């Protein structure tokens, strides 16, 4: 069962459509029990990290997400669904996030057009199954004003240049998360979902 977490915001419909197009069934839920029973979990997102964390807390989802990720089960975070995994964010004057991954969320530098919106290349910092069949420097679709700075650089699997070079994809165990929106990124975005959703083989 593929679970797409609904916390009252987020880009849910296009994520559901992407999963369905690939032949997988999904449920959209705010129920922590269903999250913990899932085979794969997707946390999509638009909006503000601090507000998202508050919504997740009110729904009892932060504990479930922590437990699910701590068990090293397949999890995909998208945009805000990536940012909330980190320790703190500068957004809204600063607030705590879920602190699942050490690091912070910083605002893109002044002088840039913000939000960073549109297509941009993702440079693959290291090989990872989620990028299988996708060429280095492929373009994906971004909409964001903040970017992540992980403490552990070894989890960075993708980087993007927008005046600065920032981390645009991470992986740690069975957790993968992207700053870009695969569901808005055409065939290669669908390939990201396909690579995440495919059954794990015993030879992996």
N, C-alpha and C. Protein backbone atom coordinates (compact mmCIF):
# COMPACT_ATOMS: atom_id res chain seq x y z
N UNK A 1 0.84 -1.20 0.00
CA UNK A 1 0.00 0.00 0.00
C UNK A 1 0.88 1.25 0.00
N UNK A 2 0.60 2.15 -0.94
CA UNK A 2 1.30 3.43 -1.01
C UNK A 2 0.45 4.48 -0.30
N UNK A 3 1.02 5.10 0.71
CA UNK A 3 0.30 6.12 1.47
C UNK A 3 0.84 7.49 1.12
N UNK A 4 -0.05 8.40 0.77
CA UNK A 4 0.29 9.81 0.52
C UNK A 4 -0.28 10.60 1.68
N UNK A 5 0.59 11.28 2.41
CA UNK A 5 0.17 11.95 3.64
C UNK A 5 -0.53 13.27 3.33
N UNK A 6 -1.70 13.42 3.92
CA UNK A 6 -2.50 14.65 3.79
C UNK A 6 -2.49 15.39 5.12
N UNK A 7 -1.86 16.57 5.14
CA UNK A 7 -1.83 17.36 6.38
C UNK A 7 -2.61 18.67 6.21
N UNK A 8 -3.50 18.69 5.21
CA UNK A 8 -4.35 19.86 5.01
C UNK A 8 -3.83 20.82 3.96
N UNK A 9 -2.72 20.50 3.36
CA UNK A 9 -2.17 21.30 2.26
C UNK A 9 -1.39 20.33 1.39
N UNK A 10 -0.62 20.86 0.47
CA UNK A 10 0.21 19.96 -0.33
C UNK A 10 -0.36 19.73 -1.71
N UNK A 11 0.51 19.24 -2.57
CA UNK A 11 0.19 19.05 -3.98
C UNK A 11 -0.30 17.62 -4.19
N UNK A 12 -1.44 17.30 -3.57
CA UNK A 12 -1.84 15.90 -3.48
C UNK A 12 -2.35 15.31 -4.79
N UNK A 13 -3.19 16.04 -5.50
CA UNK A 13 -3.84 15.46 -6.67
C UNK A 13 -2.83 15.05 -7.74
N UNK A 14 -1.84 15.89 -8.00
CA UNK A 14 -0.87 15.55 -9.05
C UNK A 14 0.01 14.38 -8.62
N UNK A 15 0.26 14.26 -7.30
CA UNK A 15 1.03 13.11 -6.81
C UNK A 15 0.21 11.83 -6.97
N UNK A 16 -1.05 11.88 -6.58
CA UNK A 16 -1.95 10.72 -6.76
C UNK A 16 -2.00 10.32 -8.23
N UNK A 17 -2.13 11.30 -9.12
CA UNK A 17 -2.21 11.02 -10.55
C UNK A 17 -0.94 10.35 -11.06
N UNK A 18 0.22 10.82 -10.58
CA UNK A 18 1.49 10.23 -11.01
C UNK A 18 1.59 8.77 -10.57
N UNK A 19 1.21 8.50 -9.32
CA UNK A 19 1.26 7.13 -8.79
C UNK A 19 0.30 6.23 -9.55
N UNK A 20 -0.90 6.73 -9.81
CA UNK A 20 -1.92 5.96 -10.54
C UNK A 20 -1.46 5.67 -11.97
N UNK A 21 -0.86 6.66 -12.61
CA UNK A 21 -0.40 6.50 -14.00
C UNK A 21 0.62 5.38 -14.11
N UNK A 22 1.38 5.16 -13.04
CA UNK A 22 2.39 4.11 -13.04
C UNK A 22 1.83 2.74 -12.67
N UNK A 23 0.52 2.69 -12.39
CA UNK A 23 -0.14 1.42 -12.14
C UNK A 23 -0.19 1.00 -10.68
N UNK A 24 0.08 1.95 -9.77
CA UNK A 24 0.05 1.64 -8.34
C UNK A 24 -1.19 2.24 -7.71
N UNK A 25 -1.71 1.57 -6.70
CA UNK A 25 -2.83 2.10 -5.93
C UNK A 25 -2.30 2.87 -4.73
N UNK A 26 -2.97 3.94 -4.39
CA UNK A 26 -2.54 4.74 -3.23
C UNK A 26 -3.75 5.16 -2.42
N UNK A 27 -3.49 5.52 -1.17
CA UNK A 27 -4.52 6.15 -0.36
C UNK A 27 -3.95 7.47 0.18
N UNK A 28 -4.81 8.45 0.25
CA UNK A 28 -4.46 9.75 0.83
C UNK A 28 -5.04 9.77 2.23
N UNK A 29 -4.19 10.00 3.23
CA UNK A 29 -4.67 9.86 4.60
C UNK A 29 -3.97 10.81 5.56
N UNK A 30 -4.66 11.10 6.65
CA UNK A 30 -4.09 11.84 7.78
C UNK A 30 -4.01 10.94 9.02
N UNK A 31 -4.22 9.65 8.83
CA UNK A 31 -4.29 8.69 9.93
C UNK A 31 -2.90 8.12 10.22
N UNK A 32 -2.34 8.38 11.40
CA UNK A 32 -1.02 7.86 11.73
C UNK A 32 -0.93 6.33 11.63
N UNK A 33 -2.00 5.64 11.97
CA UNK A 33 -2.00 4.17 11.91
C UNK A 33 -1.80 3.69 10.48
N UNK A 34 -2.45 4.33 9.53
CA UNK A 34 -2.30 3.95 8.12
C UNK A 34 -0.89 4.25 7.62
N UNK A 35 -0.30 5.32 8.12
CA UNK A 35 1.09 5.63 7.77
C UNK A 35 2.01 4.50 8.24
N UNK A 36 1.84 4.06 9.46
CA UNK A 36 2.70 3.03 10.02
C UNK A 36 2.49 1.67 9.36
N UNK A 37 1.32 1.46 8.75
CA UNK A 37 1.04 0.20 8.06
C UNK A 37 1.44 0.21 6.59
N UNK A 38 1.89 1.35 6.10
CA UNK A 38 2.17 1.50 4.67
C UNK A 38 3.41 0.72 4.24
N UNK A 39 3.42 0.33 2.96
CA UNK A 39 4.61 -0.25 2.36
C UNK A 39 5.55 0.85 1.89
N UNK A 40 4.97 1.94 1.39
CA UNK A 40 5.74 3.10 0.95
C UNK A 40 4.96 4.35 1.38
N UNK A 41 5.68 5.39 1.77
CA UNK A 41 5.05 6.64 2.20
C UNK A 41 5.61 7.80 1.38
N UNK A 42 4.71 8.67 0.94
CA UNK A 42 5.09 9.89 0.23
C UNK A 42 4.55 11.08 1.02
N UNK A 43 5.44 12.03 1.32
CA UNK A 43 5.04 13.29 1.98
C UNK A 43 5.29 14.43 1.00
N UNK A 44 4.24 14.83 0.26
CA UNK A 44 4.40 15.95 -0.67
C UNK A 44 4.22 17.27 0.06
N UNK A 45 4.52 18.37 -0.61
CA UNK A 45 4.33 19.62 0.13
C UNK A 45 4.44 20.88 -0.69
N UNK A 46 3.61 21.83 -0.33
CA UNK A 46 3.75 23.22 -0.75
C UNK A 46 3.42 24.05 0.48
N UNK A 47 3.92 25.28 0.51
CA UNK A 47 3.60 26.15 1.65
C UNK A 47 4.81 26.41 2.51
N UNK A 48 4.58 26.57 3.80
CA UNK A 48 5.65 26.95 4.75
C UNK A 48 5.99 25.77 5.64
N UNK A 49 7.29 25.58 5.89
CA UNK A 49 7.74 24.44 6.68
C UNK A 49 7.19 24.48 8.10
N UNK A 50 7.25 25.65 8.75
CA UNK A 50 6.78 25.75 10.13
C UNK A 50 5.32 25.41 10.27
N UNK A 51 4.50 25.92 9.37
CA UNK A 51 3.06 25.62 9.40
C UNK A 51 2.79 24.16 9.11
N UNK A 52 3.60 23.59 8.22
CA UNK A 52 3.45 22.17 7.91
C UNK A 52 3.73 21.31 9.13
N UNK A 53 4.81 21.62 9.85
CA UNK A 53 5.16 20.86 11.06
C UNK A 53 4.05 20.97 12.09
N UNK A 54 3.49 22.17 12.27
CA UNK A 54 2.39 22.34 13.22
C UNK A 54 1.18 21.50 12.83
N UNK A 55 0.87 21.48 11.54
CA UNK A 55 -0.25 20.67 11.07
C UNK A 55 0.00 19.19 11.30
N UNK A 56 1.22 18.74 11.03
CA UNK A 56 1.57 17.33 11.24
C UNK A 56 1.47 16.97 12.73
N UNK A 57 1.92 17.89 13.59
CA UNK A 57 1.82 17.65 15.04
C UNK A 57 0.38 17.51 15.49
N UNK A 58 -0.48 18.42 15.04
CA UNK A 58 -1.88 18.40 15.45
C UNK A 58 -2.58 17.11 15.03
N UNK A 59 -2.14 16.55 13.92
CA UNK A 59 -2.75 15.33 13.40
C UNK A 59 -2.10 14.07 13.99
N UNK A 60 -1.09 14.25 14.83
CA UNK A 60 -0.39 13.11 15.40
C UNK A 60 0.52 12.39 14.42
N UNK A 61 0.88 13.10 13.34
CA UNK A 61 1.65 12.46 12.28
C UNK A 61 3.15 12.52 12.48
N UNK A 62 3.65 13.46 13.28
CA UNK A 62 5.11 13.57 13.44
C UNK A 62 5.68 12.31 14.08
N UNK A 63 5.00 11.79 15.08
CA UNK A 63 5.47 10.56 15.75
C UNK A 63 5.47 9.39 14.78
N UNK A 64 4.40 9.28 14.00
CA UNK A 64 4.29 8.18 13.03
C UNK A 64 5.38 8.28 11.97
N UNK A 65 5.63 9.48 11.47
CA UNK A 65 6.66 9.67 10.45
C UNK A 65 8.03 9.34 11.03
N UNK A 66 8.30 9.80 12.25
CA UNK A 66 9.57 9.48 12.91
C UNK A 66 9.76 7.97 13.05
N UNK A 67 8.73 7.28 13.51
CA UNK A 67 8.82 5.84 13.70
C UNK A 67 9.03 5.12 12.37
N UNK A 68 8.30 5.55 11.37
CA UNK A 68 8.39 4.92 10.05
C UNK A 68 9.79 5.07 9.48
N UNK A 69 10.34 6.28 9.55
CA UNK A 69 11.68 6.53 9.00
C UNK A 69 12.75 5.84 9.84
N UNK A 70 12.57 5.84 11.16
CA UNK A 70 13.54 5.18 12.05
C UNK A 70 13.64 3.69 11.77
N UNK A 71 12.56 3.10 11.26
CA UNK A 71 12.56 1.68 10.90
C UNK A 71 13.16 1.44 9.52
N UNK A 72 13.66 2.50 8.88
CA UNK A 72 14.30 2.43 7.56
C UNK A 72 13.38 1.83 6.51
N UNK A 73 12.15 2.36 6.49
CA UNK A 73 11.17 1.92 5.50
C UNK A 73 11.07 2.98 4.40
N UNK A 74 10.62 2.59 3.20
CA UNK A 74 10.68 3.48 2.04
C UNK A 74 9.83 4.75 2.20
N UNK A 75 10.49 5.89 2.15
CA UNK A 75 9.85 7.19 2.38
C UNK A 75 10.36 8.16 1.33
N UNK A 76 9.44 8.91 0.72
CA UNK A 76 9.78 9.93 -0.26
C UNK A 76 9.21 11.27 0.17
N UNK A 77 10.07 12.26 0.41
CA UNK A 77 9.65 13.61 0.74
C UNK A 77 9.84 14.53 -0.46
N UNK A 78 8.89 15.42 -0.68
CA UNK A 78 8.93 16.31 -1.84
C UNK A 78 8.77 17.76 -1.40
N UNK A 79 9.72 18.61 -1.75
CA UNK A 79 9.70 20.05 -1.50
C UNK A 79 9.57 20.33 0.01
N UNK A 80 8.43 20.82 0.47
CA UNK A 80 8.25 21.01 1.91
C UNK A 80 8.37 19.68 2.65
N UNK A 81 7.99 18.60 1.98
CA UNK A 81 8.14 17.27 2.55
C UNK A 81 9.60 16.87 2.75
N UNK A 82 10.50 17.55 2.07
CA UNK A 82 11.94 17.43 2.33
C UNK A 82 12.35 18.35 3.47
N UNK A 83 11.95 19.60 3.39
CA UNK A 83 12.44 20.61 4.34
C UNK A 83 12.05 20.29 5.79
N UNK A 84 10.83 19.78 5.99
CA UNK A 84 10.37 19.54 7.37
C UNK A 84 11.14 18.42 8.06
N UNK A 85 11.88 17.62 7.31
CA UNK A 85 12.66 16.55 7.90
C UNK A 85 13.87 17.06 8.67
N UNK A 86 14.26 18.32 8.41
CA UNK A 86 15.48 18.88 8.99
C UNK A 86 15.23 19.49 10.37
N UNK A 87 16.29 20.00 10.97
CA UNK A 87 16.22 20.44 12.37
C UNK A 87 15.48 21.76 12.52
N UNK A 88 15.86 22.76 11.73
CA UNK A 88 15.28 24.10 11.87
C UNK A 88 15.11 24.75 10.51
N UNK A 89 14.25 25.76 10.46
CA UNK A 89 14.07 26.55 9.25
C UNK A 89 14.15 28.04 9.58
N UNK A 90 14.68 28.82 8.66
CA UNK A 90 14.71 30.27 8.81
C UNK A 90 13.36 30.90 8.46
N UNK A 91 12.49 30.13 7.85
CA UNK A 91 11.21 30.66 7.39
C UNK A 91 10.36 31.17 8.55
N UNK A 92 9.68 32.29 8.33
CA UNK A 92 8.80 32.85 9.35
C UNK A 92 9.52 33.32 10.59
N UNK A 93 10.77 33.75 10.43
CA UNK A 93 11.54 34.23 11.57
C UNK A 93 12.26 33.12 12.32
N UNK A 94 12.08 31.89 11.84
CA UNK A 94 12.77 30.75 12.45
C UNK A 94 11.84 29.87 13.25
N UNK A 95 11.95 28.58 13.06
CA UNK A 95 11.15 27.62 13.85
C UNK A 95 11.78 26.24 13.74
N UNK A 96 11.37 25.37 14.64
CA UNK A 96 11.86 24.00 14.63
C UNK A 96 11.11 23.19 13.58
N UNK A 97 11.83 22.23 13.00
CA UNK A 97 11.20 21.25 12.13
C UNK A 97 11.18 19.91 12.87
N UNK A 98 11.19 18.80 12.16
CA UNK A 98 11.04 17.50 12.83
C UNK A 98 12.36 16.93 13.33
N UNK A 99 13.46 17.48 12.89
CA UNK A 99 14.79 17.07 13.39
C UNK A 99 15.07 15.58 13.17
N UNK A 100 14.58 15.06 12.06
CA UNK A 100 14.88 13.68 11.69
C UNK A 100 16.25 13.60 11.03
N UNK A 101 16.59 14.65 10.29
CA UNK A 101 17.90 14.75 9.64
C UNK A 101 18.58 16.01 10.14
N UNK A 102 19.78 15.92 10.69
CA UNK A 102 20.47 17.12 11.18
C UNK A 102 20.77 18.09 10.05
N UNK A 103 20.44 19.34 10.28
CA UNK A 103 20.68 20.37 9.26
C UNK A 103 19.64 21.46 9.36
N UNK A 104 19.76 22.45 8.49
CA UNK A 104 18.84 23.58 8.56
C UNK A 104 18.32 23.95 7.19
N UNK A 105 17.27 24.73 7.20
CA UNK A 105 16.64 25.22 5.98
C UNK A 105 16.88 26.72 5.92
N UNK A 106 17.52 27.19 4.85
CA UNK A 106 17.91 28.59 4.71
C UNK A 106 17.19 29.25 3.54
N UNK A 107 17.03 30.56 3.64
CA UNK A 107 16.41 31.31 2.55
C UNK A 107 17.41 31.52 1.42
N UNK A 108 16.90 31.44 0.19
CA UNK A 108 17.75 31.74 -0.95
C UNK A 108 18.28 33.16 -0.84
N UNK A 109 19.50 33.42 -1.32
CA UNK A 109 20.13 34.72 -1.10
C UNK A 109 19.38 35.87 -1.75
N UNK A 110 19.48 37.08 -1.18
CA UNK A 110 18.87 38.26 -1.78
C UNK A 110 19.49 38.54 -3.15
N UNK A 111 18.70 39.17 -4.01
CA UNK A 111 19.17 39.48 -5.35
C UNK A 111 18.68 38.49 -6.39
N UNK A 112 18.25 37.32 -5.93
CA UNK A 112 17.70 36.32 -6.83
C UNK A 112 16.20 36.52 -6.98
N UNK A 113 15.65 36.07 -8.09
CA UNK A 113 14.20 36.04 -8.22
C UNK A 113 13.67 34.92 -7.33
N UNK A 114 12.84 35.30 -6.36
CA UNK A 114 12.30 34.33 -5.40
C UNK A 114 10.78 34.39 -5.43
N UNK A 115 10.11 33.25 -5.52
CA UNK A 115 10.67 31.91 -5.44
C UNK A 115 11.44 31.51 -6.70
N UNK A 116 12.34 30.58 -6.52
CA UNK A 116 12.99 29.90 -7.63
C UNK A 116 11.92 29.01 -8.25
N UNK A 117 11.48 29.38 -9.45
CA UNK A 117 10.35 28.69 -10.07
C UNK A 117 10.68 28.33 -11.51
N UNK A 118 10.49 27.06 -11.84
CA UNK A 118 10.70 26.62 -13.21
C UNK A 118 11.68 25.45 -13.28
N UNK A 119 12.15 25.21 -14.49
CA UNK A 119 13.00 24.05 -14.76
C UNK A 119 14.46 24.37 -14.46
N UNK A 120 15.14 23.40 -13.86
CA UNK A 120 16.57 23.56 -13.58
C UNK A 120 17.21 22.17 -13.52
N UNK A 121 18.50 22.16 -13.77
CA UNK A 121 19.22 20.89 -13.82
C UNK A 121 19.51 20.34 -12.42
N UNK A 122 19.51 19.04 -12.33
CA UNK A 122 19.94 18.35 -11.11
C UNK A 122 21.20 17.56 -11.45
N UNK A 123 22.28 17.95 -10.82
CA UNK A 123 23.56 17.25 -11.01
C UNK A 123 23.64 16.13 -9.98
N UNK A 124 23.83 14.93 -10.46
CA UNK A 124 23.85 13.77 -9.58
C UNK A 124 25.21 13.66 -8.91
N UNK A 125 25.23 13.87 -7.61
CA UNK A 125 26.47 13.84 -6.83
C UNK A 125 26.97 12.42 -6.61
N UNK A 126 26.06 11.47 -6.61
CA UNK A 126 26.44 10.06 -6.47
C UNK A 126 25.34 9.21 -7.07
N UNK A 127 25.72 8.02 -7.49
CA UNK A 127 24.73 7.12 -8.07
C UNK A 127 23.74 6.67 -7.00
N UNK A 128 22.48 6.60 -7.39
CA UNK A 128 21.45 6.14 -6.47
C UNK A 128 20.32 5.51 -7.28
N UNK A 129 19.68 4.44 -6.76
CA UNK A 129 18.60 3.78 -7.51
C UNK A 129 17.47 4.71 -7.94
N UNK A 130 17.21 5.78 -7.20
CA UNK A 130 16.11 6.68 -7.57
C UNK A 130 16.41 7.42 -8.87
N UNK A 131 17.70 7.51 -9.23
CA UNK A 131 18.11 8.17 -10.48
C UNK A 131 18.33 7.17 -11.62
N UNK A 132 18.03 5.91 -11.39
CA UNK A 132 18.27 4.91 -12.44
C UNK A 132 17.50 5.26 -13.71
N UNK A 133 18.19 5.25 -14.84
CA UNK A 133 17.56 5.57 -16.12
C UNK A 133 17.41 7.06 -16.38
N UNK A 134 17.98 7.89 -15.52
CA UNK A 134 17.89 9.35 -15.66
C UNK A 134 19.30 9.91 -15.84
N UNK A 135 19.52 10.64 -16.91
CA UNK A 135 20.85 11.19 -17.20
C UNK A 135 21.22 12.29 -16.20
N UNK A 136 22.51 12.41 -15.96
CA UNK A 136 23.00 13.52 -15.13
C UNK A 136 22.61 14.84 -15.78
N UNK A 137 22.35 15.86 -14.95
CA UNK A 137 21.97 17.20 -15.41
C UNK A 137 20.60 17.25 -16.10
N UNK A 138 19.75 16.27 -15.83
CA UNK A 138 18.37 16.32 -16.31
C UNK A 138 17.63 17.46 -15.61
N UNK A 139 16.72 18.11 -16.33
CA UNK A 139 15.93 19.20 -15.76
C UNK A 139 14.71 18.67 -15.02
N UNK A 140 14.47 19.27 -13.84
CA UNK A 140 13.27 19.01 -13.06
C UNK A 140 12.64 20.34 -12.67
N UNK A 141 11.39 20.27 -12.22
CA UNK A 141 10.63 21.50 -11.95
C UNK A 141 10.70 21.88 -10.47
N UNK A 142 11.06 23.14 -10.22
CA UNK A 142 11.23 23.67 -8.86
C UNK A 142 10.23 24.79 -8.59
N UNK A 143 9.77 24.87 -7.34
CA UNK A 143 9.04 26.03 -6.81
C UNK A 143 9.39 26.13 -5.34
N UNK A 144 10.33 27.04 -4.99
CA UNK A 144 10.72 27.15 -3.58
C UNK A 144 11.48 28.45 -3.34
N UNK A 145 11.48 28.87 -2.08
CA UNK A 145 12.21 30.06 -1.66
C UNK A 145 13.30 29.74 -0.66
N UNK A 146 13.31 28.49 -0.18
CA UNK A 146 14.27 28.05 0.84
C UNK A 146 14.96 26.78 0.35
N UNK A 147 16.12 26.50 0.91
CA UNK A 147 16.88 25.32 0.51
C UNK A 147 17.51 24.68 1.75
N UNK A 148 17.83 23.41 1.63
CA UNK A 148 18.34 22.67 2.79
C UNK A 148 19.87 22.67 2.82
N UNK A 149 20.39 22.65 4.05
CA UNK A 149 21.84 22.53 4.28
C UNK A 149 22.05 21.37 5.25
N UNK A 150 22.25 20.16 4.73
CA UNK A 150 22.46 19.01 5.63
C UNK A 150 23.81 19.10 6.34
N UNK A 151 23.85 18.66 7.59
CA UNK A 151 25.13 18.59 8.31
C UNK A 151 26.02 17.50 7.72
N UNK A 152 25.39 16.41 7.29
CA UNK A 152 26.12 15.28 6.73
C UNK A 152 26.06 15.36 5.20
N UNK A 153 27.15 15.77 4.58
CA UNK A 153 27.17 15.95 3.13
C UNK A 153 27.09 14.62 2.38
N UNK A 154 27.33 13.52 3.07
CA UNK A 154 27.30 12.22 2.39
C UNK A 154 25.89 11.81 1.96
N UNK A 155 24.85 12.47 2.51
CA UNK A 155 23.48 12.13 2.12
C UNK A 155 23.04 12.88 0.86
N UNK A 156 23.84 13.83 0.40
CA UNK A 156 23.48 14.63 -0.78
C UNK A 156 23.67 13.78 -2.03
N UNK A 157 22.59 13.56 -2.79
CA UNK A 157 22.70 12.81 -4.04
C UNK A 157 22.44 13.69 -5.26
N UNK A 158 21.94 14.91 -5.04
CA UNK A 158 21.70 15.82 -6.16
C UNK A 158 21.92 17.26 -5.76
N UNK A 159 22.48 18.05 -6.68
CA UNK A 159 22.70 19.48 -6.46
C UNK A 159 22.19 20.27 -7.66
N UNK A 160 21.82 21.52 -7.40
CA UNK A 160 21.30 22.40 -8.43
C UNK A 160 21.90 23.78 -8.25
N UNK A 161 22.15 24.46 -9.36
CA UNK A 161 22.73 25.80 -9.31
C UNK A 161 21.66 26.86 -9.60
N UNK A 162 21.51 27.77 -8.68
CA UNK A 162 20.64 28.94 -8.86
C UNK A 162 21.37 30.11 -8.20
N UNK A 163 22.36 30.60 -8.88
CA UNK A 163 23.35 31.54 -8.35
C UNK A 163 24.25 30.82 -7.34
N UNK A 164 23.66 30.25 -6.30
CA UNK A 164 24.40 29.37 -5.41
C UNK A 164 24.17 27.92 -5.85
N UNK A 165 25.01 27.02 -5.39
CA UNK A 165 24.78 25.59 -5.59
C UNK A 165 24.16 25.05 -4.31
N UNK A 166 22.97 24.47 -4.42
CA UNK A 166 22.28 23.97 -3.23
C UNK A 166 21.92 22.50 -3.40
N UNK A 167 21.71 21.85 -2.29
CA UNK A 167 21.31 20.44 -2.28
C UNK A 167 19.86 20.32 -2.76
N UNK A 168 19.64 19.51 -3.79
CA UNK A 168 18.27 19.36 -4.31
C UNK A 168 17.74 17.94 -4.19
N UNK A 169 18.56 17.01 -3.68
CA UNK A 169 18.06 15.65 -3.43
C UNK A 169 18.96 14.98 -2.39
N UNK A 170 18.34 14.23 -1.50
CA UNK A 170 19.08 13.51 -0.47
C UNK A 170 18.63 12.06 -0.42
N UNK A 171 19.47 11.22 0.16
CA UNK A 171 19.09 9.83 0.41
C UNK A 171 19.82 9.35 1.65
N UNK A 172 19.11 8.65 2.50
CA UNK A 172 19.68 8.02 3.69
C UNK A 172 18.92 6.74 3.95
N UNK A 173 19.59 5.62 3.71
CA UNK A 173 18.87 4.35 3.80
C UNK A 173 17.74 4.31 2.79
N UNK A 174 16.54 3.98 3.25
CA UNK A 174 15.38 3.93 2.36
C UNK A 174 14.61 5.25 2.29
N UNK A 175 15.18 6.29 2.87
CA UNK A 175 14.58 7.62 2.77
C UNK A 175 15.19 8.35 1.58
N UNK A 176 14.34 8.91 0.74
CA UNK A 176 14.75 9.77 -0.38
C UNK A 176 13.89 11.02 -0.32
N UNK A 177 14.48 12.16 -0.62
CA UNK A 177 13.68 13.39 -0.64
C UNK A 177 14.27 14.36 -1.66
N UNK A 178 13.39 15.12 -2.30
CA UNK A 178 13.81 16.05 -3.35
C UNK A 178 13.23 17.44 -3.11
N UNK A 179 14.02 18.46 -3.48
CA UNK A 179 13.50 19.83 -3.43
C UNK A 179 12.59 20.10 -4.62
N UNK A 180 12.86 19.46 -5.73
CA UNK A 180 12.04 19.62 -6.94
C UNK A 180 10.78 18.77 -6.85
N UNK A 181 9.86 19.01 -7.76
CA UNK A 181 8.58 18.30 -7.80
C UNK A 181 8.60 17.28 -8.94
N UNK A 182 8.84 16.00 -8.64
CA UNK A 182 8.82 15.00 -9.72
C UNK A 182 7.48 14.94 -10.46
N UNK A 183 6.39 15.14 -9.72
CA UNK A 183 5.05 15.03 -10.34
C UNK A 183 4.77 16.15 -11.33
N UNK A 184 5.61 17.18 -11.34
CA UNK A 184 5.46 18.28 -12.31
C UNK A 184 6.60 18.27 -13.33
N UNK A 185 7.37 17.18 -13.36
CA UNK A 185 8.62 17.16 -14.13
C UNK A 185 8.59 16.19 -15.31
N UNK A 186 7.40 15.93 -15.86
CA UNK A 186 7.32 15.14 -17.08
C UNK A 186 7.78 13.71 -16.91
N UNK A 187 8.32 13.13 -18.00
CA UNK A 187 8.64 11.70 -18.01
C UNK A 187 9.73 11.33 -17.01
N UNK A 188 10.70 12.22 -16.80
CA UNK A 188 11.77 11.88 -15.87
C UNK A 188 11.32 12.04 -14.41
N UNK A 189 10.36 12.91 -14.18
CA UNK A 189 9.75 12.97 -12.85
C UNK A 189 8.99 11.69 -12.56
N UNK A 190 8.26 11.19 -13.56
CA UNK A 190 7.57 9.91 -13.40
C UNK A 190 8.57 8.79 -13.16
N UNK A 191 9.73 8.89 -13.78
CA UNK A 191 10.76 7.87 -13.59
C UNK A 191 11.26 7.86 -12.15
N UNK A 192 11.36 9.05 -11.54
CA UNK A 192 11.72 9.12 -10.11
C UNK A 192 10.70 8.34 -9.28
N UNK A 193 9.42 8.57 -9.54
CA UNK A 193 8.37 7.85 -8.81
C UNK A 193 8.45 6.35 -9.09
N UNK A 194 8.64 5.99 -10.34
CA UNK A 194 8.71 4.58 -10.70
C UNK A 194 9.87 3.89 -9.97
N UNK A 195 11.01 4.55 -9.92
CA UNK A 195 12.17 3.97 -9.23
C UNK A 195 11.92 3.82 -7.73
N UNK A 196 11.20 4.79 -7.15
CA UNK A 196 10.89 4.71 -5.72
C UNK A 196 9.85 3.63 -5.44
N UNK A 197 8.86 3.51 -6.30
CA UNK A 197 7.72 2.64 -6.02
C UNK A 197 7.94 1.18 -6.40
N UNK A 198 8.90 0.91 -7.25
CA UNK A 198 9.07 -0.47 -7.70
C UNK A 198 9.41 -1.39 -6.52
N UNK A 199 8.96 -2.64 -6.60
CA UNK A 199 9.24 -3.58 -5.50
C UNK A 199 10.74 -3.77 -5.30
N UNK A 200 11.15 -3.90 -4.06
CA UNK A 200 12.55 -4.16 -3.73
C UNK A 200 12.83 -5.63 -3.96
N UNK A 201 13.91 -5.90 -4.70
CA UNK A 201 14.27 -7.30 -4.96
C UNK A 201 15.24 -7.79 -3.90
N UNK A 202 15.30 -9.08 -3.74
CA UNK A 202 16.16 -9.66 -2.72
C UNK A 202 17.64 -9.43 -3.02
N UNK A 203 17.94 -9.13 -4.28
CA UNK A 203 19.33 -8.92 -4.66
C UNK A 203 19.82 -7.51 -4.42
N UNK A 204 18.93 -6.64 -3.96
CA UNK A 204 19.32 -5.24 -3.76
C UNK A 204 20.31 -5.11 -2.60
